[in-house]
Protein backbone atom coordinates (compact mmCIF):
# COMPACT_ATOMS: atom_id res chain seq x y z
CA MET A 1 -57.41 83.21 -40.64
CA ALA A 2 -55.74 80.36 -42.35
CA GLN A 3 -52.30 79.33 -41.16
CA SER A 4 -49.68 78.29 -43.63
CA VAL A 5 -47.39 75.29 -43.21
CA HIS A 6 -43.73 76.01 -43.17
CA PRO A 7 -41.63 73.92 -45.66
CA MET A 8 -39.24 72.90 -42.89
CA SER A 9 -41.93 71.07 -40.90
CA ILE A 10 -42.70 68.76 -43.98
CA ARG A 11 -39.09 67.64 -44.56
CA PRO A 12 -38.73 65.31 -41.56
CA LEU A 13 -41.95 63.38 -42.43
CA LEU A 14 -40.77 63.10 -46.13
CA VAL A 15 -37.34 61.44 -44.92
CA CYS A 16 -39.18 59.04 -42.65
CA PHE A 17 -41.51 57.87 -45.34
CA LEU A 18 -38.66 57.39 -47.94
CA THR A 19 -36.64 55.34 -45.36
CA LEU A 20 -39.57 53.06 -44.51
CA ALA A 21 -40.26 52.43 -48.21
CA ALA A 22 -36.59 51.39 -48.76
CA THR A 23 -36.31 49.05 -45.86
CA ALA A 24 -39.67 47.26 -46.26
CA PRO A 25 -38.53 44.66 -48.89
CA ALA A 26 -35.57 43.62 -46.71
CA LEU A 27 -37.82 43.27 -43.66
CA SER A 28 -40.19 41.10 -45.63
CA GLN A 29 -37.42 38.67 -46.77
CA ALA A 30 -35.97 38.48 -43.22
CA ALA A 31 -39.44 37.49 -41.80
CA PRO A 32 -39.43 34.06 -39.98
CA ALA A 33 -41.02 31.06 -41.77
CA PRO A 34 -44.27 29.77 -40.33
CA ASP A 35 -44.16 26.81 -38.05
CA ASN A 36 -45.62 24.34 -40.45
CA ALA A 37 -43.20 25.08 -43.12
CA VAL A 38 -40.70 22.40 -44.06
CA PRO A 39 -37.03 23.48 -43.59
CA THR A 40 -34.97 23.49 -46.70
CA GLY A 41 -32.21 20.98 -46.73
CA LYS A 42 -34.07 18.41 -44.78
CA ALA A 43 -36.08 15.52 -46.12
CA ALA A 44 -39.83 15.56 -45.72
CA GLY A 45 -39.84 12.08 -44.39
CA ARG A 46 -38.13 9.63 -41.93
CA GLU A 47 -35.07 7.54 -42.51
CA GLY A 48 -35.60 3.90 -42.99
CA GLY A 49 -34.00 0.88 -44.40
CA LEU A 50 -34.26 -2.73 -45.77
CA TYR A 51 -31.59 -5.26 -44.65
CA LEU A 52 -31.05 -8.43 -46.73
CA GLY A 53 -28.63 -10.98 -45.14
CA ALA A 54 -27.31 -14.59 -44.74
CA TYR A 55 -26.23 -16.59 -41.83
CA PHE A 56 -22.56 -16.83 -41.41
CA PHE A 57 -22.04 -17.99 -37.63
CA PRO A 58 -21.67 -20.51 -36.18
CA PRO A 59 -19.36 -21.61 -39.00
CA PHE A 60 -19.05 -25.33 -38.02
CA ARG A 61 -22.79 -25.90 -38.67
CA ARG A 62 -24.27 -27.15 -41.91
CA ASP A 63 -27.09 -24.84 -41.93
CA TRP A 64 -27.83 -22.04 -44.35
CA GLY A 65 -30.43 -19.46 -44.50
CA ALA A 66 -31.54 -15.90 -45.13
CA VAL A 67 -32.88 -12.99 -43.21
CA ALA A 68 -34.85 -9.79 -44.14
CA ALA A 69 -35.51 -6.84 -41.94
CA ILE A 70 -37.34 -3.50 -42.23
CA GLN A 71 -35.99 -0.64 -40.13
CA THR A 72 -37.49 2.72 -39.16
CA ARG A 73 -36.31 5.19 -36.48
CA LYS A 74 -38.06 3.18 -33.80
CA TRP A 75 -38.61 -0.41 -35.06
CA TYR A 76 -36.45 -3.22 -36.35
CA ILE A 77 -38.83 -5.97 -37.71
CA GLU A 78 -36.99 -9.12 -38.88
CA ALA A 79 -38.11 -12.40 -40.56
CA SER A 80 -35.87 -15.19 -41.06
CA TRP A 81 -35.78 -18.81 -42.52
CA GLN A 82 -32.92 -21.29 -42.02
CA LYS A 83 -32.45 -24.78 -43.39
CA ALA A 84 -31.18 -27.22 -41.01
CA ASN A 85 -28.92 -30.14 -42.22
CA HIS A 86 -27.99 -33.21 -40.06
CA ASN A 87 -27.97 -31.25 -36.77
CA ARG A 88 -27.47 -33.24 -33.66
CA ASP A 89 -29.86 -33.24 -30.65
CA TYR A 90 -27.97 -33.53 -27.45
CA LEU A 91 -30.96 -34.90 -25.49
CA LEU A 92 -30.32 -32.34 -22.62
CA ASP A 93 -33.72 -33.17 -21.22
CA GLN A 94 -32.80 -36.79 -20.92
CA GLN A 95 -29.50 -35.93 -19.49
CA LEU A 96 -31.05 -33.84 -16.82
CA LYS A 97 -33.26 -36.76 -15.83
CA GLY A 98 -30.13 -38.96 -15.35
CA GLU A 99 -31.11 -41.32 -18.18
CA GLU A 100 -28.45 -43.94 -18.82
CA GLY A 101 -26.49 -43.31 -22.08
CA ALA A 102 -28.26 -39.95 -22.95
CA ARG A 103 -24.83 -38.21 -23.09
CA ARG A 104 -23.45 -40.66 -25.61
CA GLU A 105 -26.47 -41.19 -27.81
CA LYS A 106 -26.32 -39.47 -31.21
CA ALA A 107 -29.61 -38.17 -32.54
CA TYR A 108 -29.50 -36.27 -35.83
CA TRP A 109 -32.30 -34.43 -37.53
CA ASP A 110 -33.18 -32.36 -40.71
CA GLY A 111 -35.64 -29.60 -40.97
CA TYR A 112 -35.87 -25.75 -40.90
CA TYR A 113 -36.14 -22.95 -38.45
CA ALA A 114 -38.02 -19.77 -39.10
CA HIS A 115 -38.93 -16.70 -36.82
CA LEU A 116 -40.43 -13.33 -36.74
CA ALA A 117 -38.92 -10.74 -34.32
CA VAL A 118 -40.27 -7.39 -33.51
CA ASN A 119 -37.62 -5.08 -31.95
CA GLY A 120 -37.52 -1.56 -30.63
CA ILE A 121 -34.39 0.42 -31.41
CA SER A 122 -32.57 1.78 -28.43
CA ARG A 123 -32.73 5.60 -27.84
CA ASN A 124 -28.93 5.72 -27.20
CA THR A 125 -28.31 4.27 -30.77
CA GLY A 126 -25.03 5.70 -32.14
CA LYS A 127 -24.13 7.28 -35.28
CA HIS A 128 -22.59 5.72 -38.38
CA GLY A 129 -25.21 3.02 -38.86
CA ASN A 130 -24.76 1.61 -35.30
CA ARG A 131 -28.21 0.31 -34.07
CA SER A 132 -28.86 -1.70 -30.82
CA TYR A 133 -32.26 -3.26 -30.46
CA LEU A 134 -34.39 -5.23 -27.98
CA GLY A 135 -37.56 -7.17 -28.61
CA VAL A 136 -39.55 -10.46 -28.83
CA LEU A 137 -38.95 -13.42 -31.10
CA LEU A 138 -41.62 -15.95 -32.15
CA GLY A 139 -39.92 -19.06 -33.78
CA TYR A 140 -41.08 -22.23 -35.36
CA ASN A 141 -38.87 -25.40 -35.86
CA PRO A 142 -40.11 -28.77 -37.21
CA ARG A 143 -37.53 -31.63 -36.90
CA THR A 144 -37.41 -35.00 -38.71
CA PHE A 145 -34.98 -37.46 -37.10
CA GLU A 146 -32.89 -40.24 -38.74
CA THR A 147 -34.43 -43.65 -38.50
CA VAL A 148 -34.01 -45.09 -35.05
CA VAL A 149 -33.74 -48.83 -34.16
CA SER A 150 -34.50 -49.65 -30.54
CA ASN A 151 -35.28 -52.58 -28.29
CA VAL A 152 -38.82 -52.32 -26.87
CA TRP A 153 -40.41 -53.69 -23.66
CA ASP A 154 -44.08 -53.65 -22.63
CA GLU A 155 -45.44 -52.33 -19.35
CA ASN A 156 -44.68 -55.71 -17.70
CA ASN A 157 -41.11 -55.48 -18.63
CA THR A 158 -41.42 -58.26 -21.34
CA PHE A 159 -39.07 -57.89 -24.31
CA LEU A 160 -41.26 -57.40 -27.42
CA GLY A 161 -38.38 -57.17 -29.97
CA ILE A 162 -36.39 -54.71 -32.09
CA TYR A 163 -38.32 -52.10 -34.05
CA GLU A 164 -37.68 -49.12 -36.32
CA PHE A 165 -38.91 -45.68 -35.51
CA LYS A 166 -39.05 -42.39 -37.55
CA PRO A 167 -39.22 -39.71 -34.89
CA SER A 168 -40.38 -36.08 -35.41
CA GLU A 169 -40.77 -33.07 -33.30
CA THR A 170 -42.13 -29.54 -33.76
CA ARG A 171 -40.99 -26.63 -31.49
CA TYR A 172 -42.60 -23.29 -30.95
CA PHE A 173 -40.21 -20.66 -29.52
CA LEU A 174 -40.88 -17.55 -27.44
CA MET A 175 -37.60 -15.63 -26.70
CA LEU A 176 -36.16 -12.20 -25.57
CA ASN A 177 -34.25 -10.91 -28.58
CA MET A 178 -31.41 -8.48 -28.65
CA GLY A 179 -28.63 -7.40 -30.86
CA GLN A 180 -26.53 -4.92 -32.70
CA HIS A 181 -26.87 -3.88 -36.30
CA LEU A 182 -23.94 -2.17 -38.19
CA HIS A 183 -23.87 -0.87 -41.66
CA TYR A 184 -21.59 1.24 -43.73
CA ARG A 185 -23.04 2.42 -47.06
CA MET A 186 -24.51 -0.82 -48.56
CA LEU A 187 -22.69 -3.30 -46.44
CA ALA A 188 -24.20 -4.62 -43.05
CA ALA A 189 -23.76 -7.05 -40.33
CA ASP A 190 -26.10 -8.15 -37.48
CA PHE A 191 -24.98 -9.62 -34.09
CA TYR A 192 -27.86 -11.41 -32.28
CA PHE A 193 -28.45 -13.22 -29.07
CA SER A 194 -31.78 -14.71 -28.07
CA MET A 195 -32.79 -16.48 -24.85
CA GLY A 196 -36.08 -17.95 -23.72
CA GLY A 197 -38.15 -21.17 -23.96
CA PHE A 198 -39.99 -23.47 -26.34
CA TYR A 199 -43.09 -25.82 -26.32
CA SER A 200 -42.58 -29.00 -28.15
CA ARG A 201 -44.76 -31.85 -29.67
CA SER A 202 -43.10 -35.07 -30.40
CA ALA A 203 -43.99 -38.27 -32.18
CA ARG A 204 -42.15 -41.55 -32.18
CA GLY A 205 -42.97 -42.38 -35.75
CA ASN A 206 -44.35 -45.97 -35.20
CA GLN A 207 -48.10 -46.28 -34.90
CA ALA A 208 -47.73 -49.57 -32.98
CA PHE A 209 -46.07 -47.65 -30.18
CA ASP A 210 -48.07 -44.50 -30.05
CA ASN A 211 -48.53 -44.38 -26.25
CA ASP A 212 -46.55 -44.42 -23.05
CA ASN A 213 -47.23 -48.12 -22.09
CA PHE A 214 -43.75 -49.24 -23.57
CA SER A 215 -40.24 -48.62 -22.58
CA TYR A 216 -37.29 -48.08 -25.08
CA GLU A 217 -33.61 -48.50 -25.17
CA ARG A 218 -33.10 -45.30 -27.09
CA ASN A 219 -33.50 -42.16 -25.10
CA LEU A 220 -34.88 -40.08 -27.99
CA LEU A 221 -38.00 -42.38 -27.90
CA LYS A 222 -38.37 -41.70 -24.14
CA ARG A 223 -39.65 -38.10 -24.72
CA SER A 224 -43.20 -37.50 -23.83
CA GLY A 225 -45.72 -36.14 -26.36
CA SER A 226 -45.33 -32.60 -25.16
CA ARG A 227 -42.91 -30.75 -23.06
CA PHE A 228 -41.23 -27.28 -22.34
CA GLY A 229 -37.58 -26.55 -22.61
CA PHE A 230 -34.99 -23.82 -22.48
CA ALA A 231 -33.76 -22.27 -25.78
CA MET A 232 -30.83 -19.98 -26.62
CA ARG A 233 -29.30 -18.79 -30.01
CA VAL A 234 -26.45 -16.53 -30.88
CA GLY A 235 -24.78 -15.80 -34.08
CA LEU A 236 -24.03 -13.42 -36.91
CA THR A 237 -25.68 -12.47 -40.25
CA ALA A 238 -24.17 -10.24 -43.05
CA GLY A 239 -25.41 -8.79 -46.27
CA LEU A 240 -26.75 -5.58 -47.90
CA GLN A 241 -28.30 -2.45 -46.35
CA LEU A 242 -30.69 -0.52 -48.67
CA ASN A 243 -31.53 2.95 -47.05
CA THR A 244 -34.64 4.81 -48.01
CA THR A 245 -36.86 7.70 -46.83
CA LEU A 246 -40.31 6.73 -45.40
CA PRO A 247 -43.33 8.98 -45.69
CA ARG A 248 -44.46 10.78 -42.62
């Protein structure tokens, strides 16, 4: 004998069905986004920048030059070129050797200085455009000295006469480089300090005296053909900061 279903037993099922149908659209909108989705309001890239500056320190030097740097979250890569005008070489290597008159001798040179520095940006970099960095600097510095007039003696200490020389020197730098880069909107400044050493190749500029069989009155001419030395640089550049977004 068939059993009939009482209407009161169907009513709870109908209420549950209608409730689920009404709440389903809200649940679908509140569902979490997949892991690979790009959050709204955030750029789909990494912050980067381009710095274009000029040398401003030390102010008492006659040099002028420019610097350009590419910035990412982890790296600060800088290239620089600087014209040198009538700079003095203090002959520190000759002073350390105790050569007479080295401290008073004045040797001036013209040329330029260029470098490439690859720096890593510190993890504790602050906000508001404050970036500290540390890295390695490779530099190149050719120098042409003013004409030098000097007494010359041979290896037997015989006086040969007074001759003119046009000395030149090329230095190759390897230094530890560090600094602080600050920028606000499109204005920026960079404080830098580098310390390390250089390898130098020198020429006296007179083919008649291109070996070490002679002695000279001027200390600049006493330098050997190649040598190593200590180097340090400190200063300030200032210019424009152009921020951009780099692709991932």
